[in-house]
N, C-alpha and C. Protein backbone atom coordinates (compact mmCIF):
# COMPACT_ATOMS: atom_id res chain seq x y z
N MET A 1 -23.71 -4.34 16.64
CA MET A 1 -25.13 -4.24 16.90
C MET A 1 -25.52 -2.77 16.70
N ASN A 2 -26.48 -2.53 15.84
CA ASN A 2 -26.96 -1.18 15.55
C ASN A 2 -28.21 -0.92 16.40
N ILE A 3 -28.11 0.04 17.33
CA ILE A 3 -29.22 0.34 18.24
C ILE A 3 -29.65 1.79 18.05
N LYS A 4 -30.97 1.99 17.99
CA LYS A 4 -31.54 3.34 17.95
C LYS A 4 -32.44 3.49 19.16
N PHE A 5 -32.34 4.63 19.81
CA PHE A 5 -33.15 4.90 21.00
C PHE A 5 -34.17 5.98 20.72
N LYS A 6 -35.34 5.85 21.36
CA LYS A 6 -36.40 6.87 21.30
C LYS A 6 -36.62 7.33 22.73
N ASP A 7 -36.57 8.64 22.94
CA ASP A 7 -36.75 9.21 24.27
C ASP A 7 -38.22 9.09 24.68
N ILE A 8 -38.46 8.65 25.91
CA ILE A 8 -39.80 8.53 26.47
C ILE A 8 -39.80 9.31 27.78
N ASN A 9 -40.83 10.08 28.03
CA ASN A 9 -40.89 10.91 29.23
C ASN A 9 -42.06 10.55 30.12
N THR A 10 -42.27 9.27 30.38
CA THR A 10 -43.38 8.89 31.24
C THR A 10 -42.89 7.96 32.34
N GLY A 11 -43.13 8.33 33.58
CA GLY A 11 -42.81 7.48 34.73
C GLY A 11 -41.36 7.05 34.77
N ILE A 12 -41.17 5.75 35.01
CA ILE A 12 -39.81 5.22 35.14
C ILE A 12 -39.19 4.86 33.79
N VAL A 13 -39.98 4.90 32.73
CA VAL A 13 -39.46 4.56 31.40
C VAL A 13 -38.62 5.72 30.88
N GLN A 14 -37.37 5.44 30.56
CA GLN A 14 -36.44 6.45 30.07
C GLN A 14 -36.39 6.49 28.55
N ALA A 15 -36.41 5.31 27.93
CA ALA A 15 -36.30 5.24 26.47
C ALA A 15 -36.74 3.85 26.00
N ARG A 16 -36.95 3.75 24.70
CA ARG A 16 -37.19 2.46 24.05
C ARG A 16 -36.10 2.28 23.00
N ALA A 17 -35.69 1.03 22.83
CA ALA A 17 -34.62 0.74 21.87
C ALA A 17 -35.14 -0.15 20.75
N VAL A 18 -34.61 0.10 19.55
CA VAL A 18 -34.85 -0.75 18.39
C VAL A 18 -33.48 -1.23 17.95
N ILE A 19 -33.31 -2.55 17.88
CA ILE A 19 -32.01 -3.12 17.53
C ILE A 19 -32.10 -3.80 16.18
N GLU A 20 -31.16 -3.47 15.31
CA GLU A 20 -31.06 -4.15 14.01
C GLU A 20 -30.18 -5.39 14.24
N ILE A 21 -30.82 -6.55 14.25
CA ILE A 21 -30.12 -7.80 14.52
C ILE A 21 -29.21 -8.16 13.35
N THR A 22 -29.77 -8.09 12.17
CA THR A 22 -29.03 -8.28 10.93
C THR A 22 -29.67 -7.34 9.92
N GLU A 23 -29.07 -7.16 8.79
CA GLU A 23 -29.57 -6.18 7.84
C GLU A 23 -31.04 -6.41 7.51
N GLY A 24 -31.86 -5.40 7.82
CA GLY A 24 -33.28 -5.45 7.51
C GLY A 24 -34.15 -6.19 8.51
N ILE A 25 -33.56 -6.71 9.61
CA ILE A 25 -34.33 -7.42 10.64
C ILE A 25 -34.15 -6.67 11.96
N PHE A 26 -35.29 -6.19 12.52
CA PHE A 26 -35.25 -5.34 13.70
C PHE A 26 -35.98 -5.99 14.87
N LEU A 27 -35.49 -5.71 16.07
CA LEU A 27 -36.13 -6.13 17.30
C LEU A 27 -36.61 -4.87 18.00
N ASN A 28 -37.93 -4.75 18.24
CA ASN A 28 -38.54 -3.56 18.82
C ASN A 28 -38.85 -3.77 20.30
N GLU A 29 -39.20 -2.67 20.93
CA GLU A 29 -39.76 -2.64 22.28
C GLU A 29 -38.84 -3.14 23.37
N ILE A 30 -37.57 -2.82 23.28
CA ILE A 30 -36.68 -3.04 24.41
C ILE A 30 -36.78 -1.76 25.24
N THR A 31 -37.10 -1.91 26.51
CA THR A 31 -37.39 -0.75 27.36
C THR A 31 -36.24 -0.48 28.31
N ILE A 32 -35.88 0.79 28.41
CA ILE A 32 -34.86 1.23 29.35
C ILE A 32 -35.59 1.90 30.51
N LEU A 33 -35.43 1.35 31.71
CA LEU A 33 -36.10 1.86 32.91
C LEU A 33 -35.09 2.44 33.88
N LYS A 34 -35.57 3.33 34.73
CA LYS A 34 -34.73 3.84 35.82
C LYS A 34 -35.49 3.59 37.11
N LYS A 35 -35.00 2.60 37.88
CA LYS A 35 -35.62 2.25 39.16
C LYS A 35 -34.59 2.43 40.26
N GLY A 36 -34.93 3.24 41.24
CA GLY A 36 -34.02 3.45 42.36
C GLY A 36 -32.67 4.01 41.94
N GLY A 37 -32.66 4.83 40.90
CA GLY A 37 -31.42 5.42 40.42
C GLY A 37 -30.59 4.52 39.54
N GLU A 38 -31.05 3.29 39.30
CA GLU A 38 -30.31 2.33 38.48
C GLU A 38 -31.00 2.13 37.13
N ILE A 39 -30.21 2.05 36.07
CA ILE A 39 -30.73 1.80 34.73
C ILE A 39 -30.93 0.30 34.55
N ILE A 40 -32.12 -0.09 34.11
CA ILE A 40 -32.47 -1.50 33.91
C ILE A 40 -32.95 -1.68 32.47
N VAL A 41 -32.49 -2.74 31.82
CA VAL A 41 -32.93 -3.08 30.47
C VAL A 41 -33.98 -4.17 30.59
N GLU A 42 -35.17 -3.91 30.02
CA GLU A 42 -36.27 -4.87 30.07
C GLU A 42 -36.54 -5.36 28.65
N LEU A 43 -36.46 -6.67 28.46
CA LEU A 43 -36.68 -7.26 27.14
C LEU A 43 -38.17 -7.50 26.90
N PRO A 44 -38.59 -7.53 25.64
CA PRO A 44 -40.03 -7.68 25.35
C PRO A 44 -40.56 -9.06 25.74
N GLN A 45 -41.83 -9.06 26.16
CA GLN A 45 -42.53 -10.29 26.52
C GLN A 45 -43.91 -10.32 25.87
N LYS A 46 -44.40 -11.51 25.65
CA LYS A 46 -45.78 -11.70 25.19
C LYS A 46 -46.58 -12.08 26.41
N SER A 47 -47.72 -11.43 26.60
CA SER A 47 -48.56 -11.77 27.74
C SER A 47 -49.91 -12.25 27.22
N PHE A 48 -50.48 -13.21 27.92
CA PHE A 48 -51.80 -13.70 27.55
C PHE A 48 -52.49 -14.28 28.77
N ARG A 49 -53.80 -14.29 28.71
CA ARG A 49 -54.61 -14.83 29.80
C ARG A 49 -54.97 -16.27 29.46
N GLY A 50 -54.66 -17.17 30.38
CA GLY A 50 -54.94 -18.58 30.19
C GLY A 50 -56.41 -18.91 30.44
N LYS A 51 -56.78 -20.12 30.13
CA LYS A 51 -58.17 -20.56 30.36
C LYS A 51 -58.55 -20.51 31.83
N ASP A 52 -57.54 -20.60 32.70
CA ASP A 52 -57.79 -20.55 34.14
C ASP A 52 -57.92 -19.11 34.65
N GLY A 53 -57.79 -18.11 33.74
CA GLY A 53 -57.95 -16.72 34.10
C GLY A 53 -56.66 -16.04 34.57
N LYS A 54 -55.59 -16.80 34.73
CA LYS A 54 -54.31 -16.23 35.16
C LYS A 54 -53.57 -15.63 33.98
N MET A 55 -52.73 -14.61 34.27
CA MET A 55 -51.89 -14.01 33.25
C MET A 55 -50.59 -14.79 33.15
N TYR A 56 -50.17 -15.05 31.92
CA TYR A 56 -48.91 -15.75 31.66
C TYR A 56 -48.04 -14.87 30.80
N TYR A 57 -46.73 -14.96 31.01
CA TYR A 57 -45.77 -14.15 30.27
C TYR A 57 -44.74 -15.07 29.63
N MET A 58 -44.45 -14.79 28.36
CA MET A 58 -43.49 -15.58 27.62
C MET A 58 -42.44 -14.64 27.04
N ASN A 59 -41.17 -14.96 27.26
CA ASN A 59 -40.09 -14.13 26.72
C ASN A 59 -40.03 -14.26 25.21
N ILE A 60 -39.89 -13.12 24.53
CA ILE A 60 -39.78 -13.11 23.07
C ILE A 60 -38.38 -13.55 22.66
N ILE A 61 -37.38 -13.15 23.43
CA ILE A 61 -35.99 -13.50 23.14
C ILE A 61 -35.54 -14.52 24.18
N THR A 62 -34.92 -15.59 23.73
CA THR A 62 -34.36 -16.57 24.66
C THR A 62 -32.87 -16.68 24.44
N PHE A 63 -32.16 -17.01 25.49
CA PHE A 63 -30.70 -17.09 25.46
C PHE A 63 -30.26 -18.49 25.88
N ALA A 64 -29.08 -18.89 25.42
CA ALA A 64 -28.54 -20.20 25.76
C ALA A 64 -28.26 -20.31 27.26
N ASN A 65 -27.84 -19.19 27.87
CA ASN A 65 -27.59 -19.19 29.31
C ASN A 65 -27.71 -17.77 29.85
N GLU A 66 -27.67 -17.66 31.15
CA GLU A 66 -27.87 -16.36 31.80
C GLU A 66 -26.73 -15.38 31.51
N ASP A 67 -25.51 -15.91 31.32
CA ASP A 67 -24.37 -15.04 30.99
C ASP A 67 -24.58 -14.31 29.67
N LYS A 68 -25.10 -15.02 28.67
CA LYS A 68 -25.36 -14.39 27.37
C LYS A 68 -26.42 -13.30 27.49
N GLU A 69 -27.46 -13.56 28.28
CA GLU A 69 -28.51 -12.56 28.50
C GLU A 69 -27.94 -11.32 29.20
N ASN A 70 -27.14 -11.54 30.23
CA ASN A 70 -26.55 -10.41 30.96
C ASN A 70 -25.62 -9.60 30.08
N PHE A 71 -24.82 -10.27 29.23
CA PHE A 71 -23.92 -9.57 28.33
C PHE A 71 -24.71 -8.74 27.31
N PHE A 72 -25.80 -9.31 26.78
CA PHE A 72 -26.67 -8.62 25.82
C PHE A 72 -27.25 -7.36 26.45
N LYS A 73 -27.77 -7.47 27.66
CA LYS A 73 -28.34 -6.33 28.37
C LYS A 73 -27.27 -5.29 28.69
N LEU A 74 -26.06 -5.74 29.04
CA LEU A 74 -24.97 -4.83 29.35
C LEU A 74 -24.57 -4.02 28.12
N GLU A 75 -24.55 -4.66 26.95
CA GLU A 75 -24.25 -3.95 25.71
C GLU A 75 -25.28 -2.85 25.45
N ILE A 76 -26.55 -3.17 25.63
CA ILE A 76 -27.62 -2.19 25.41
C ILE A 76 -27.49 -1.05 26.41
N LYS A 77 -27.24 -1.38 27.68
CA LYS A 77 -27.09 -0.38 28.73
C LYS A 77 -25.92 0.56 28.43
N THR A 78 -24.81 0.01 27.98
CA THR A 78 -23.63 0.81 27.63
C THR A 78 -23.94 1.77 26.49
N GLU A 79 -24.59 1.26 25.45
CA GLU A 79 -24.96 2.10 24.31
C GLU A 79 -25.96 3.18 24.72
N TYR A 80 -26.89 2.84 25.62
CA TYR A 80 -27.85 3.82 26.11
C TYR A 80 -27.13 4.95 26.85
N ASN A 81 -26.19 4.58 27.73
CA ASN A 81 -25.45 5.61 28.48
C ASN A 81 -24.67 6.53 27.55
N LYS A 82 -24.09 5.99 26.48
CA LYS A 82 -23.40 6.82 25.48
C LYS A 82 -24.39 7.76 24.80
N TRP A 83 -25.54 7.19 24.40
CA TRP A 83 -26.57 7.97 23.71
C TRP A 83 -27.10 9.07 24.62
N ARG A 84 -27.37 8.73 25.88
CA ARG A 84 -27.91 9.71 26.83
C ARG A 84 -26.89 10.82 27.09
N GLY A 85 -25.60 10.48 27.07
CA GLY A 85 -24.56 11.49 27.24
C GLY A 85 -24.56 12.50 26.11
N GLN A 86 -24.89 12.04 24.89
CA GLN A 86 -24.95 12.92 23.73
C GLN A 86 -26.29 13.61 23.59
N ASN A 87 -27.33 13.04 24.19
CA ASN A 87 -28.69 13.57 24.09
C ASN A 87 -29.31 13.69 25.48
N PRO A 88 -28.90 14.71 26.24
CA PRO A 88 -29.44 14.84 27.60
C PRO A 88 -30.94 15.08 27.59
N LYS A 89 -31.58 14.62 28.64
CA LYS A 89 -33.01 14.80 28.79
C LYS A 89 -33.31 16.25 29.11
N ILE A 90 -34.25 16.82 28.40
CA ILE A 90 -34.65 18.21 28.62
C ILE A 90 -36.00 18.21 29.31
N LEU A 91 -36.03 18.79 30.50
CA LEU A 91 -37.27 18.86 31.25
C LEU A 91 -37.88 20.23 31.07
N VAL A 92 -39.15 20.26 30.74
CA VAL A 92 -39.86 21.52 30.53
C VAL A 92 -40.90 21.66 31.62
N TYR A 93 -40.85 22.77 32.33
CA TYR A 93 -41.80 23.05 33.40
C TYR A 93 -42.72 24.18 32.98
N GLU A 94 -43.99 24.04 33.32
CA GLU A 94 -44.97 25.06 32.99
C GLU A 94 -45.20 25.91 34.23
N ASN A 95 -45.12 27.23 34.08
CA ASN A 95 -45.36 28.13 35.21
C ASN A 95 -46.85 28.42 35.26
N LYS A 96 -47.48 28.03 36.37
CA LYS A 96 -48.93 28.23 36.49
C LYS A 96 -49.25 29.41 37.34
């Protein structure tokens, strides 16, 4: 699995991942979050407002079972940790 990460410096979002599923086919907008000191992988969803006014969310990626989903997220998390080790976050502070 070929994964590329883009550094994001807003709130709890740490990075976004783009995964090349097969040659020339990419999956965008996988989000790497840091909540409570833990790294979480969030998969893309489609959101829409129904006729009843409620918001509905539909997963873009579906898995045969929960184990496959967890393994997929674990692979992304492992690759992110390797990437982050090679590309540490640089914080810039402005002196006012």
